[in-house]
Amino acid sequence: MQLQTIDTGFFKLDGGAMFGVVPRQLWQALNPPDAQNLCTWAMRCLLIQDGPRLILVDNGIGNKQSEKFFSYYHLHGSASLAGSLQAAGVLPAQITDMLLTHLHFDHCGGGVQRQGEQLVPVFAQANYWSNAAHWQWATQPNAREKASFLSENLLPMQQSGQLQMVPVPIGEEAGLRRTRFSEHVELLFVDGHTE
């Protein structure tokens, strides 16, 4: 098995929005905000070569949204998904599995692109992996989270027939929910900052 970081650039988000109820004085030393209280975040993906499978974990923010949309997030840096894959010697058609940790726009926006007037998956030969409960949450979000789940990032995966659901184990020892994804990759479901 081989692992490689795939950088897709940087963006900025409001520190208070990211850290929620954690007081600013606790997070600002590690994540210093600018004058507008925006913190810089890296969008890094993971490329896993596991036998014949080439698995990409997350895919960044993408480039299909409007200039107005991107103006809110101050994208910067020279890295891009396409450029970092190319530097790794990988073509999008070689990706066999697009594993999505969750469906926020900065983790799955790069998996769908504009092709003329259509939105289509970037990784034409890959299965796109989520799980049924999170897919439901993302496609029918509450009002507070609606801005993080964009239908143009999600529905093309499903419409193409490439969307697959990882079965979430239930009742595992000590509440740990694990499942084998590939020969050397095991998934642990932790319900991070999404349900």
N, C-alpha and C. Protein backbone atom coordinates (compact mmCIF):
# COMPACT_ATOMS: atom_id res chain seq x y z
N MET A 1 0.85 -1.18 0.00
CA MET A 1 0.00 0.00 0.00
C MET A 1 0.89 1.24 0.00
N GLN A 2 0.50 2.24 -0.79
CA GLN A 2 1.22 3.50 -0.85
C GLN A 2 0.26 4.64 -0.57
N LEU A 3 0.73 5.64 0.18
CA LEU A 3 -0.06 6.82 0.53
C LEU A 3 0.62 8.07 0.00
N GLN A 4 -0.18 9.00 -0.49
CA GLN A 4 0.38 10.25 -1.00
C GLN A 4 -0.60 11.38 -0.74
N THR A 5 -0.08 12.51 -0.26
CA THR A 5 -0.91 13.70 -0.05
C THR A 5 -1.17 14.37 -1.39
N ILE A 6 -2.42 14.77 -1.60
CA ILE A 6 -2.82 15.51 -2.79
C ILE A 6 -3.34 16.86 -2.32
N ASP A 7 -2.57 17.91 -2.56
CA ASP A 7 -2.97 19.25 -2.14
C ASP A 7 -3.89 19.87 -3.18
N THR A 8 -4.94 20.56 -2.70
CA THR A 8 -5.85 21.22 -3.64
C THR A 8 -5.98 22.72 -3.35
N GLY A 9 -5.08 23.27 -2.54
CA GLY A 9 -5.08 24.70 -2.28
C GLY A 9 -5.54 25.04 -0.87
N PHE A 10 -5.70 26.35 -0.65
CA PHE A 10 -6.10 26.88 0.65
C PHE A 10 -7.35 27.73 0.49
N PHE A 11 -8.10 27.88 1.57
CA PHE A 11 -9.22 28.80 1.58
C PHE A 11 -9.38 29.36 2.98
N LYS A 12 -10.25 30.34 3.13
CA LYS A 12 -10.46 30.98 4.43
C LYS A 12 -11.92 30.85 4.85
N LEU A 13 -12.09 30.63 6.15
CA LEU A 13 -13.42 30.60 6.76
C LEU A 13 -13.37 31.36 8.08
N ASP A 14 -14.50 31.86 8.49
CA ASP A 14 -14.62 32.56 9.76
C ASP A 14 -14.22 31.65 10.92
N GLY A 15 -13.32 32.13 11.76
CA GLY A 15 -12.85 31.34 12.89
C GLY A 15 -13.97 30.93 13.83
N GLY A 16 -14.89 31.84 14.10
CA GLY A 16 -16.01 31.52 14.99
C GLY A 16 -16.91 30.44 14.42
N ALA A 17 -17.10 30.47 13.11
CA ALA A 17 -17.92 29.43 12.48
C ALA A 17 -17.25 28.07 12.57
N MET A 18 -15.93 28.06 12.42
CA MET A 18 -15.21 26.78 12.45
C MET A 18 -15.09 26.21 13.85
N PHE A 19 -14.85 27.06 14.84
CA PHE A 19 -14.60 26.55 16.18
C PHE A 19 -15.82 26.58 17.08
N GLY A 20 -16.91 27.18 16.61
CA GLY A 20 -18.16 27.15 17.37
C GLY A 20 -18.03 27.73 18.76
N VAL A 21 -18.38 26.93 19.77
CA VAL A 21 -18.43 27.43 21.14
C VAL A 21 -17.06 27.49 21.81
N VAL A 22 -16.00 27.05 21.13
CA VAL A 22 -14.65 27.14 21.69
C VAL A 22 -14.22 28.61 21.66
N PRO A 23 -13.83 29.18 22.80
CA PRO A 23 -13.45 30.60 22.83
C PRO A 23 -12.24 30.89 21.94
N ARG A 24 -12.27 32.07 21.32
CA ARG A 24 -11.20 32.48 20.40
C ARG A 24 -9.82 32.41 21.06
N GLN A 25 -9.71 32.77 22.33
CA GLN A 25 -8.40 32.77 22.98
C GLN A 25 -7.80 31.37 23.07
N LEU A 26 -8.62 30.32 22.92
CA LEU A 26 -8.09 28.96 22.94
C LEU A 26 -7.59 28.51 21.57
N TRP A 27 -8.18 29.02 20.49
CA TRP A 27 -7.77 28.54 19.16
C TRP A 27 -6.89 29.50 18.39
N GLN A 28 -6.85 30.76 18.75
CA GLN A 28 -6.14 31.74 17.91
C GLN A 28 -4.63 31.55 17.88
N ALA A 29 -4.03 30.94 18.90
CA ALA A 29 -2.58 30.74 18.87
C ALA A 29 -2.18 29.73 17.78
N LEU A 30 -2.97 28.67 17.62
CA LEU A 30 -2.68 27.66 16.60
C LEU A 30 -3.24 28.03 15.23
N ASN A 31 -4.31 28.79 15.20
CA ASN A 31 -4.98 29.16 13.95
C ASN A 31 -5.24 30.67 13.96
N PRO A 32 -4.21 31.49 13.80
CA PRO A 32 -4.40 32.94 13.91
C PRO A 32 -5.31 33.49 12.82
N PRO A 33 -6.33 34.23 13.21
CA PRO A 33 -7.23 34.82 12.22
C PRO A 33 -6.65 36.12 11.67
N ASP A 34 -7.17 36.53 10.51
CA ASP A 34 -6.76 37.82 9.96
C ASP A 34 -7.68 38.90 10.55
N ALA A 35 -7.61 40.11 10.01
CA ALA A 35 -8.39 41.24 10.54
C ALA A 35 -9.90 41.02 10.42
N GLN A 36 -10.32 40.17 9.50
CA GLN A 36 -11.75 39.87 9.34
C GLN A 36 -12.17 38.62 10.12
N ASN A 37 -11.29 38.12 10.98
CA ASN A 37 -11.52 36.90 11.78
C ASN A 37 -11.57 35.65 10.91
N LEU A 38 -10.92 35.68 9.75
CA LEU A 38 -10.87 34.52 8.86
C LEU A 38 -9.58 33.74 9.11
N CYS A 39 -9.71 32.44 9.17
CA CYS A 39 -8.56 31.54 9.35
C CYS A 39 -8.29 30.81 8.03
N THR A 40 -7.04 30.51 7.78
CA THR A 40 -6.65 29.78 6.58
C THR A 40 -6.70 28.28 6.84
N TRP A 41 -7.28 27.56 5.89
CA TRP A 41 -7.42 26.10 5.97
C TRP A 41 -6.86 25.47 4.71
N ALA A 42 -6.14 24.39 4.89
CA ALA A 42 -5.61 23.64 3.75
C ALA A 42 -6.62 22.60 3.32
N MET A 43 -6.73 22.40 2.03
CA MET A 43 -7.58 21.33 1.50
C MET A 43 -6.66 20.24 0.99
N ARG A 44 -6.45 19.24 1.81
CA ARG A 44 -5.56 18.13 1.46
C ARG A 44 -6.37 16.85 1.34
N CYS A 45 -6.08 16.12 0.31
CA CYS A 45 -6.72 14.84 0.06
C CYS A 45 -5.67 13.74 0.23
N LEU A 46 -6.11 12.52 0.24
CA LEU A 46 -5.19 11.40 0.40
C LEU A 46 -5.39 10.44 -0.77
N LEU A 47 -4.29 10.10 -1.42
CA LEU A 47 -4.31 9.12 -2.51
C LEU A 47 -3.75 7.82 -1.96
N ILE A 48 -4.52 6.75 -2.09
CA ILE A 48 -4.12 5.44 -1.57
C ILE A 48 -4.05 4.45 -2.72
N GLN A 49 -2.87 3.87 -2.92
CA GLN A 49 -2.71 2.77 -3.88
C GLN A 49 -2.79 1.49 -3.05
N ASP A 50 -3.85 0.73 -3.21
CA ASP A 50 -4.03 -0.51 -2.45
C ASP A 50 -4.27 -1.63 -3.45
N GLY A 51 -3.21 -2.31 -3.83
CA GLY A 51 -3.31 -3.34 -4.86
C GLY A 51 -3.76 -2.69 -6.15
N PRO A 52 -4.79 -3.24 -6.80
CA PRO A 52 -5.24 -2.67 -8.07
C PRO A 52 -6.11 -1.42 -7.91
N ARG A 53 -6.46 -1.09 -6.66
CA ARG A 53 -7.35 0.05 -6.42
C ARG A 53 -6.54 1.32 -6.18
N LEU A 54 -7.02 2.40 -6.79
CA LEU A 54 -6.45 3.73 -6.58
C LEU A 54 -7.57 4.57 -5.96
N ILE A 55 -7.45 4.79 -4.67
CA ILE A 55 -8.51 5.41 -3.87
C ILE A 55 -8.13 6.85 -3.56
N LEU A 56 -9.01 7.78 -3.87
CA LEU A 56 -8.80 9.17 -3.50
C LEU A 56 -9.78 9.50 -2.39
N VAL A 57 -9.24 10.00 -1.27
CA VAL A 57 -10.08 10.39 -0.13
C VAL A 57 -10.28 11.90 -0.20
N ASP A 58 -11.51 12.30 -0.46
CA ASP A 58 -11.92 13.70 -0.65
C ASP A 58 -11.29 14.29 -1.90
N ASN A 59 -11.79 15.49 -2.32
CA ASN A 59 -11.29 16.06 -3.57
C ASN A 59 -11.31 17.59 -3.60
N GLY A 60 -11.41 18.22 -2.45
CA GLY A 60 -11.32 19.68 -2.40
C GLY A 60 -12.58 20.40 -2.82
N ILE A 61 -12.44 21.68 -3.11
CA ILE A 61 -13.58 22.56 -3.35
C ILE A 61 -14.00 22.61 -4.82
N GLY A 62 -13.09 22.27 -5.73
CA GLY A 62 -13.42 22.32 -7.16
C GLY A 62 -13.33 23.73 -7.72
N ASN A 63 -13.83 23.89 -8.95
CA ASN A 63 -13.74 25.20 -9.60
C ASN A 63 -14.99 25.56 -10.39
N LYS A 64 -16.10 24.87 -10.14
CA LYS A 64 -17.29 25.09 -10.97
C LYS A 64 -18.24 26.17 -10.46
N GLN A 65 -18.07 26.62 -9.21
CA GLN A 65 -18.97 27.62 -8.67
C GLN A 65 -18.68 29.00 -9.27
N SER A 66 -19.53 29.94 -8.95
CA SER A 66 -19.40 31.29 -9.50
C SER A 66 -18.27 32.06 -8.83
N GLU A 67 -17.87 33.14 -9.48
CA GLU A 67 -16.84 34.02 -8.92
C GLU A 67 -17.32 34.58 -7.58
N LYS A 68 -18.60 34.89 -7.48
CA LYS A 68 -19.16 35.41 -6.23
C LYS A 68 -19.02 34.38 -5.11
N PHE A 69 -19.33 33.14 -5.39
CA PHE A 69 -19.19 32.07 -4.40
C PHE A 69 -17.75 32.00 -3.90
N PHE A 70 -16.80 31.95 -4.81
CA PHE A 70 -15.40 31.83 -4.43
C PHE A 70 -14.89 33.06 -3.70
N SER A 71 -15.50 34.23 -3.95
CA SER A 71 -15.05 35.45 -3.27
C SER A 71 -15.26 35.37 -1.77
N TYR A 72 -16.20 34.56 -1.32
CA TYR A 72 -16.45 34.39 0.12
C TYR A 72 -15.35 33.57 0.80
N TYR A 73 -14.64 32.76 0.03
CA TYR A 73 -13.72 31.78 0.62
C TYR A 73 -12.24 32.07 0.34
N HIS A 74 -11.95 33.13 -0.40
CA HIS A 74 -10.58 33.60 -0.58
C HIS A 74 -9.62 32.44 -0.92
N LEU A 75 -9.93 31.73 -1.98
CA LEU A 75 -9.05 30.64 -2.41
C LEU A 75 -7.67 31.19 -2.74
N HIS A 76 -6.64 30.47 -2.30
CA HIS A 76 -5.28 30.91 -2.60
C HIS A 76 -4.34 29.71 -2.60
N GLY A 77 -3.12 29.97 -3.07
CA GLY A 77 -2.15 28.90 -3.23
C GLY A 77 -2.14 28.42 -4.68
N SER A 78 -1.07 27.77 -5.05
CA SER A 78 -0.93 27.34 -6.44
C SER A 78 -1.40 25.91 -6.68
N ALA A 79 -1.66 25.15 -5.62
CA ALA A 79 -2.05 23.74 -5.78
C ALA A 79 -3.49 23.61 -6.28
N SER A 80 -3.71 22.58 -7.07
CA SER A 80 -5.05 22.24 -7.54
C SER A 80 -5.17 20.72 -7.57
N LEU A 81 -6.39 20.23 -7.59
CA LEU A 81 -6.60 18.79 -7.65
C LEU A 81 -5.96 18.21 -8.91
N ALA A 82 -6.26 18.79 -10.05
CA ALA A 82 -5.71 18.28 -11.31
C ALA A 82 -4.19 18.33 -11.33
N GLY A 83 -3.63 19.46 -10.89
CA GLY A 83 -2.19 19.61 -10.89
C GLY A 83 -1.48 18.67 -9.93
N SER A 84 -2.06 18.47 -8.75
CA SER A 84 -1.44 17.57 -7.78
C SER A 84 -1.55 16.11 -8.21
N LEU A 85 -2.66 15.74 -8.83
CA LEU A 85 -2.77 14.37 -9.36
C LEU A 85 -1.76 14.17 -10.48
N GLN A 86 -1.64 15.15 -11.35
CA GLN A 86 -0.68 15.05 -12.45
C GLN A 86 0.75 14.92 -11.91
N ALA A 87 1.08 15.70 -10.88
CA ALA A 87 2.41 15.63 -10.28
C ALA A 87 2.66 14.25 -9.65
N ALA A 88 1.58 13.59 -9.23
CA ALA A 88 1.70 12.24 -8.67
C ALA A 88 1.71 11.18 -9.75
N GLY A 89 1.57 11.60 -11.02
CA GLY A 89 1.57 10.65 -12.13
C GLY A 89 0.26 9.91 -12.30
N VAL A 90 -0.84 10.55 -11.88
CA VAL A 90 -2.16 9.91 -11.90
C VAL A 90 -3.11 10.70 -12.78
N LEU A 91 -3.81 10.00 -13.64
CA LEU A 91 -4.87 10.59 -14.45
C LEU A 91 -6.21 10.37 -13.75
N PRO A 92 -7.16 11.29 -13.89
CA PRO A 92 -8.47 11.10 -13.27
C PRO A 92 -9.12 9.76 -13.64
N ALA A 93 -8.91 9.29 -14.86
CA ALA A 93 -9.51 8.02 -15.29
C ALA A 93 -8.92 6.81 -14.56
N GLN A 94 -7.79 6.99 -13.88
CA GLN A 94 -7.18 5.88 -13.15
C GLN A 94 -7.74 5.70 -11.74
N ILE A 95 -8.44 6.71 -11.23
CA ILE A 95 -9.02 6.62 -9.89
C ILE A 95 -10.15 5.59 -9.92
N THR A 96 -10.07 4.58 -9.06
CA THR A 96 -11.10 3.54 -9.02
C THR A 96 -12.17 3.83 -7.98
N ASP A 97 -11.78 4.56 -6.92
CA ASP A 97 -12.71 4.84 -5.82
C ASP A 97 -12.52 6.26 -5.33
N MET A 98 -13.62 6.99 -5.25
CA MET A 98 -13.63 8.35 -4.70
C MET A 98 -14.34 8.25 -3.35
N LEU A 99 -13.54 8.19 -2.28
CA LEU A 99 -14.07 7.99 -0.93
C LEU A 99 -14.27 9.34 -0.27
N LEU A 100 -15.50 9.66 0.08
CA LEU A 100 -15.83 10.97 0.63
C LEU A 100 -16.02 10.87 2.14
N THR A 101 -15.18 11.57 2.89
CA THR A 101 -15.31 11.53 4.35
C THR A 101 -16.63 12.11 4.78
N HIS A 102 -17.04 13.18 4.13
CA HIS A 102 -18.36 13.78 4.32
C HIS A 102 -18.62 14.68 3.13
N LEU A 103 -19.81 15.23 3.05
CA LEU A 103 -20.24 15.87 1.82
C LEU A 103 -20.28 17.40 1.87
N HIS A 104 -19.50 18.01 2.75
CA HIS A 104 -19.37 19.46 2.73
C HIS A 104 -18.65 19.87 1.45
N PHE A 105 -18.98 21.07 0.94
CA PHE A 105 -18.48 21.49 -0.37
C PHE A 105 -16.97 21.51 -0.49
N ASP A 106 -16.25 21.73 0.61
CA ASP A 106 -14.79 21.79 0.52
C ASP A 106 -14.14 20.42 0.54
N HIS A 107 -14.94 19.37 0.66
CA HIS A 107 -14.44 18.00 0.62
C HIS A 107 -14.88 17.25 -0.63
N CYS A 108 -15.99 17.68 -1.25
CA CYS A 108 -16.49 16.93 -2.41
C CYS A 108 -16.73 17.77 -3.65
N GLY A 109 -16.47 19.07 -3.60
CA GLY A 109 -16.73 19.94 -4.75
C GLY A 109 -15.86 19.67 -5.95
N GLY A 110 -14.66 19.13 -5.72
CA GLY A 110 -13.76 18.86 -6.83
C GLY A 110 -14.06 17.57 -7.58
N GLY A 111 -15.03 16.81 -7.12
CA GLY A 111 -15.37 15.55 -7.77
C GLY A 111 -16.36 15.67 -8.92
N VAL A 112 -16.88 16.88 -9.12
CA VAL A 112 -17.84 17.14 -10.19
C VAL A 112 -17.36 18.38 -10.96
N GLN A 113 -17.48 18.34 -12.27
CA GLN A 113 -17.02 19.45 -13.10
C GLN A 113 -18.07 19.83 -14.13
N ARG A 114 -17.91 21.02 -14.67
CA ARG A 114 -18.78 21.47 -15.78
C ARG A 114 -18.23 20.91 -17.08
N GLN A 115 -19.13 20.36 -17.86
CA GLN A 115 -18.80 19.90 -19.21
C GLN A 115 -19.86 20.52 -20.10
N GLY A 116 -19.54 21.70 -20.64
CA GLY A 116 -20.56 22.46 -21.34
C GLY A 116 -21.59 22.94 -20.33
N GLU A 117 -22.84 22.59 -20.57
CA GLU A 117 -23.92 22.97 -19.65
C GLU A 117 -24.20 21.90 -18.60
N GLN A 118 -23.53 20.78 -18.70
CA GLN A 118 -23.78 19.67 -17.78
C GLN A 118 -22.76 19.63 -16.65
N LEU A 119 -23.17 19.04 -15.53
CA LEU A 119 -22.27 18.75 -14.42
C LEU A 119 -22.06 17.24 -14.42
N VAL A 120 -20.80 16.83 -14.48
CA VAL A 120 -20.48 15.40 -14.58
C VAL A 120 -19.35 15.07 -13.60
N PRO A 121 -19.27 13.81 -13.17
CA PRO A 121 -18.16 13.40 -12.30
C PRO A 121 -16.81 13.56 -13.00
N VAL A 122 -15.82 14.02 -12.25
CA VAL A 122 -14.45 14.17 -12.75
C VAL A 122 -13.82 12.80 -12.97
N PHE A 123 -14.14 11.86 -12.07
CA PHE A 123 -13.52 10.54 -12.09
C PHE A 123 -14.50 9.56 -12.74
N ALA A 124 -14.44 9.50 -14.05
CA ALA A 124 -15.45 8.78 -14.84
C ALA A 124 -15.46 7.29 -14.58
N GLN A 125 -14.34 6.71 -14.15
CA GLN A 125 -14.27 5.27 -13.94
C GLN A 125 -14.43 4.88 -12.47
N ALA A 126 -14.61 5.85 -11.59
CA ALA A 126 -14.61 5.59 -10.15
C ALA A 126 -16.01 5.41 -9.58
N ASN A 127 -16.08 4.61 -8.53
CA ASN A 127 -17.25 4.62 -7.67
C ASN A 127 -17.06 5.75 -6.67
N TYR A 128 -18.11 6.52 -6.44
CA TYR A 128 -18.09 7.59 -5.44
C TYR A 128 -18.78 7.03 -4.19
N TRP A 129 -18.08 7.06 -3.05
CA TRP A 129 -18.55 6.39 -1.84
C TRP A 129 -18.96 7.38 -0.75
N SER A 130 -20.18 7.19 -0.25
CA SER A 130 -20.67 7.91 0.93
C SER A 130 -21.35 6.86 1.80
N ASN A 131 -22.27 7.27 2.67
CA ASN A 131 -23.11 6.30 3.37
C ASN A 131 -24.53 6.84 3.39
N ALA A 132 -25.48 5.97 3.47
CA ALA A 132 -26.88 6.33 3.27
C ALA A 132 -27.38 7.39 4.25
N ALA A 133 -27.01 7.27 5.51
CA ALA A 133 -27.49 8.24 6.50
C ALA A 133 -26.93 9.63 6.22
N HIS A 134 -25.65 9.70 5.87
CA HIS A 134 -25.06 11.01 5.60
C HIS A 134 -25.59 11.57 4.28
N TRP A 135 -25.77 10.73 3.29
CA TRP A 135 -26.34 11.19 2.02
C TRP A 135 -27.71 11.83 2.25
N GLN A 136 -28.53 11.18 3.06
CA GLN A 136 -29.86 11.71 3.40
C GLN A 136 -29.71 13.08 4.07
N TRP A 137 -28.79 13.17 5.03
CA TRP A 137 -28.54 14.42 5.76
C TRP A 137 -28.09 15.52 4.79
N ALA A 138 -27.21 15.17 3.87
CA ALA A 138 -26.65 16.16 2.96
C ALA A 138 -27.64 16.61 1.89
N THR A 139 -28.49 15.72 1.42
CA THR A 139 -29.44 16.09 0.36
C THR A 139 -30.73 16.69 0.92
N GLN A 140 -30.92 16.58 2.23
CA GLN A 140 -32.08 17.20 2.89
C GLN A 140 -31.60 17.86 4.19
N PRO A 141 -30.69 18.83 4.07
CA PRO A 141 -30.07 19.41 5.26
C PRO A 141 -31.01 20.33 6.03
N ASN A 142 -30.67 20.56 7.29
CA ASN A 142 -31.41 21.55 8.06
C ASN A 142 -30.97 22.94 7.60
N ALA A 143 -31.68 23.97 8.03
CA ALA A 143 -31.43 25.33 7.56
C ALA A 143 -30.03 25.80 7.92
N ARG A 144 -29.52 25.41 9.07
CA ARG A 144 -28.20 25.87 9.51
C ARG A 144 -27.08 25.30 8.65
N GLU A 145 -27.23 24.07 8.18
CA GLU A 145 -26.16 23.42 7.43
C GLU A 145 -26.33 23.45 5.91
N LYS A 146 -27.44 24.00 5.46
CA LYS A 146 -27.75 23.98 4.03
C LYS A 146 -26.64 24.58 3.17
N ALA A 147 -25.97 25.62 3.64
CA ALA A 147 -24.93 26.29 2.85
C ALA A 147 -23.69 25.41 2.65
N SER A 148 -23.53 24.37 3.47
CA SER A 148 -22.36 23.49 3.34
C SER A 148 -22.58 22.33 2.38
N PHE A 149 -23.83 22.00 2.10
CA PHE A 149 -24.17 20.87 1.24
C PHE A 149 -24.78 21.40 -0.06
N LEU A 150 -24.03 21.38 -1.14
CA LEU A 150 -24.48 21.96 -2.40
C LEU A 150 -24.93 20.86 -3.36
N SER A 151 -26.15 20.97 -3.83
CA SER A 151 -26.71 19.92 -4.68
C SER A 151 -25.89 19.72 -5.96
N GLU A 152 -25.26 20.77 -6.48
CA GLU A 152 -24.46 20.61 -7.70
C GLU A 152 -23.21 19.76 -7.47
N ASN A 153 -22.80 19.61 -6.23
CA ASN A 153 -21.69 18.71 -5.91
C ASN A 153 -22.17 17.27 -5.71
N LEU A 154 -23.42 17.10 -5.34
CA LEU A 154 -23.91 15.80 -4.92
C LEU A 154 -24.69 15.06 -6.00
N LEU A 155 -25.69 15.70 -6.54
CA LEU A 155 -26.62 15.00 -7.44
C LEU A 155 -25.95 14.41 -8.69
N PRO A 156 -24.95 15.07 -9.30
CA PRO A 156 -24.30 14.44 -10.46
C PRO A 156 -23.66 13.08 -10.14
N MET A 157 -23.19 12.88 -8.92
CA MET A 157 -22.63 11.58 -8.54
C MET A 157 -23.72 10.51 -8.62
N GLN A 158 -24.89 10.86 -8.12
CA GLN A 158 -26.01 9.91 -8.10
C GLN A 158 -26.56 9.72 -9.51
N GLN A 159 -26.75 10.81 -10.24
CA GLN A 159 -27.33 10.74 -11.58
C GLN A 159 -26.47 9.95 -12.55
N SER A 160 -25.17 9.94 -12.33
CA SER A 160 -24.26 9.21 -13.21
C SER A 160 -24.29 7.70 -12.93
N GLY A 161 -24.87 7.31 -11.82
CA GLY A 161 -24.89 5.90 -11.43
C GLY A 161 -23.61 5.48 -10.72
N GLN A 162 -22.74 6.42 -10.42
CA GLN A 162 -21.46 6.09 -9.80
C GLN A 162 -21.49 6.12 -8.27
N LEU A 163 -22.56 6.63 -7.69
CA LEU A 163 -22.65 6.74 -6.24
C LEU A 163 -22.93 5.38 -5.62
N GLN A 164 -22.11 5.02 -4.64
CA GLN A 164 -22.27 3.78 -3.88
C GLN A 164 -22.33 4.14 -2.40
N MET A 165 -22.97 3.29 -1.61
CA MET A 165 -23.08 3.53 -0.17
C MET A 165 -22.26 2.49 0.60
N VAL A 166 -21.39 2.98 1.47
CA VAL A 166 -20.65 2.11 2.37
C VAL A 166 -21.63 1.70 3.47
N PRO A 167 -21.80 0.42 3.71
CA PRO A 167 -22.69 0.02 4.80
C PRO A 167 -22.06 0.39 6.15
N VAL A 168 -22.83 1.06 7.00
CA VAL A 168 -22.34 1.46 8.32
C VAL A 168 -22.67 0.35 9.30
N PRO A 169 -21.66 -0.26 9.91
CA PRO A 169 -21.91 -1.33 10.88
C PRO A 169 -22.63 -0.79 12.11
N ILE A 170 -23.43 -1.63 12.71
CA ILE A 170 -24.11 -1.24 13.95
C ILE A 170 -23.80 -2.24 15.04
N GLY A 171 -23.86 -1.78 16.27
CA GLY A 171 -23.69 -2.68 17.40
C GLY A 171 -22.30 -3.23 17.60
N GLU A 172 -21.28 -2.53 17.10
CA GLU A 172 -19.92 -3.03 17.26
C GLU A 172 -19.44 -2.84 18.70
N GLU A 173 -18.45 -3.60 19.08
CA GLU A 173 -17.88 -3.53 20.43
C GLU A 173 -17.45 -2.11 20.78
N ALA A 174 -17.81 -1.67 21.99
CA ALA A 174 -17.45 -0.35 22.52
C ALA A 174 -17.93 0.79 21.64
N GLY A 175 -18.93 0.56 20.83
CA GLY A 175 -19.47 1.61 19.99
C GLY A 175 -18.62 1.95 18.78
N LEU A 176 -17.51 1.26 18.57
CA LEU A 176 -16.69 1.54 17.39
C LEU A 176 -17.31 0.88 16.18
N ARG A 177 -17.55 1.67 15.17
CA ARG A 177 -18.14 1.15 13.94
C ARG A 177 -17.07 1.13 12.86
N ARG A 178 -16.64 -0.07 12.50
CA ARG A 178 -15.59 -0.26 11.50
C ARG A 178 -16.10 -1.16 10.39
N THR A 179 -15.54 -0.93 9.21
CA THR A 179 -15.82 -1.82 8.10
C THR A 179 -14.60 -1.86 7.19
N ARG A 180 -14.36 -2.98 6.58
CA ARG A 180 -13.24 -3.15 5.64
C ARG A 180 -13.66 -2.54 4.31
N PHE A 181 -12.80 -1.66 3.77
CA PHE A 181 -13.09 -1.03 2.49
C PHE A 181 -12.32 -1.67 1.35
N SER A 182 -11.04 -1.95 1.61
CA SER A 182 -10.20 -2.63 0.63
C SER A 182 -9.23 -3.51 1.41
N GLU A 183 -8.31 -4.13 0.71
CA GLU A 183 -7.43 -5.08 1.38
C GLU A 183 -6.75 -4.51 2.62
N HIS A 184 -6.25 -3.28 2.52
CA HIS A 184 -5.51 -2.68 3.62
C HIS A 184 -6.18 -1.47 4.23
N VAL A 185 -7.38 -1.12 3.78
CA VAL A 185 -8.06 0.08 4.28
C VAL A 185 -9.31 -0.33 5.05
N GLU A 186 -9.35 0.12 6.28
CA GLU A 186 -10.51 -0.09 7.14
C GLU A 186 -11.10 1.28 7.46
N LEU A 187 -12.41 1.40 7.42
CA LEU A 187 -13.06 2.67 7.72
C LEU A 187 -13.60 2.63 9.15
N LEU A 188 -13.41 3.74 9.85
CA LEU A 188 -13.95 3.91 11.19
C LEU A 188 -14.92 5.09 11.12
N PHE A 189 -16.16 4.87 11.49
CA PHE A 189 -17.18 5.91 11.45
C PHE A 189 -17.16 6.65 12.78
N VAL A 190 -16.85 7.95 12.74
CA VAL A 190 -16.68 8.71 13.97
C VAL A 190 -17.66 9.87 14.13
N ASP A 191 -18.47 10.17 13.15
CA ASP A 191 -19.41 11.29 13.24
C ASP A 191 -18.72 12.53 13.77
N GLY A 192 -17.88 13.10 12.92
CA GLY A 192 -17.11 14.29 13.29
C GLY A 192 -17.96 15.54 13.34
N HIS A 193 -17.69 16.52 12.47
CA HIS A 193 -18.49 17.75 12.56
C HIS A 193 -19.73 17.70 11.66
N THR A 194 -20.09 16.50 11.25
CA THR A 194 -21.39 16.26 10.61
C THR A 194 -22.01 15.08 11.34
N GLU A 195 -23.31 14.92 11.20
CA GLU A 195 -23.95 13.81 11.89
C GLU A 195 -23.67 12.50 11.19
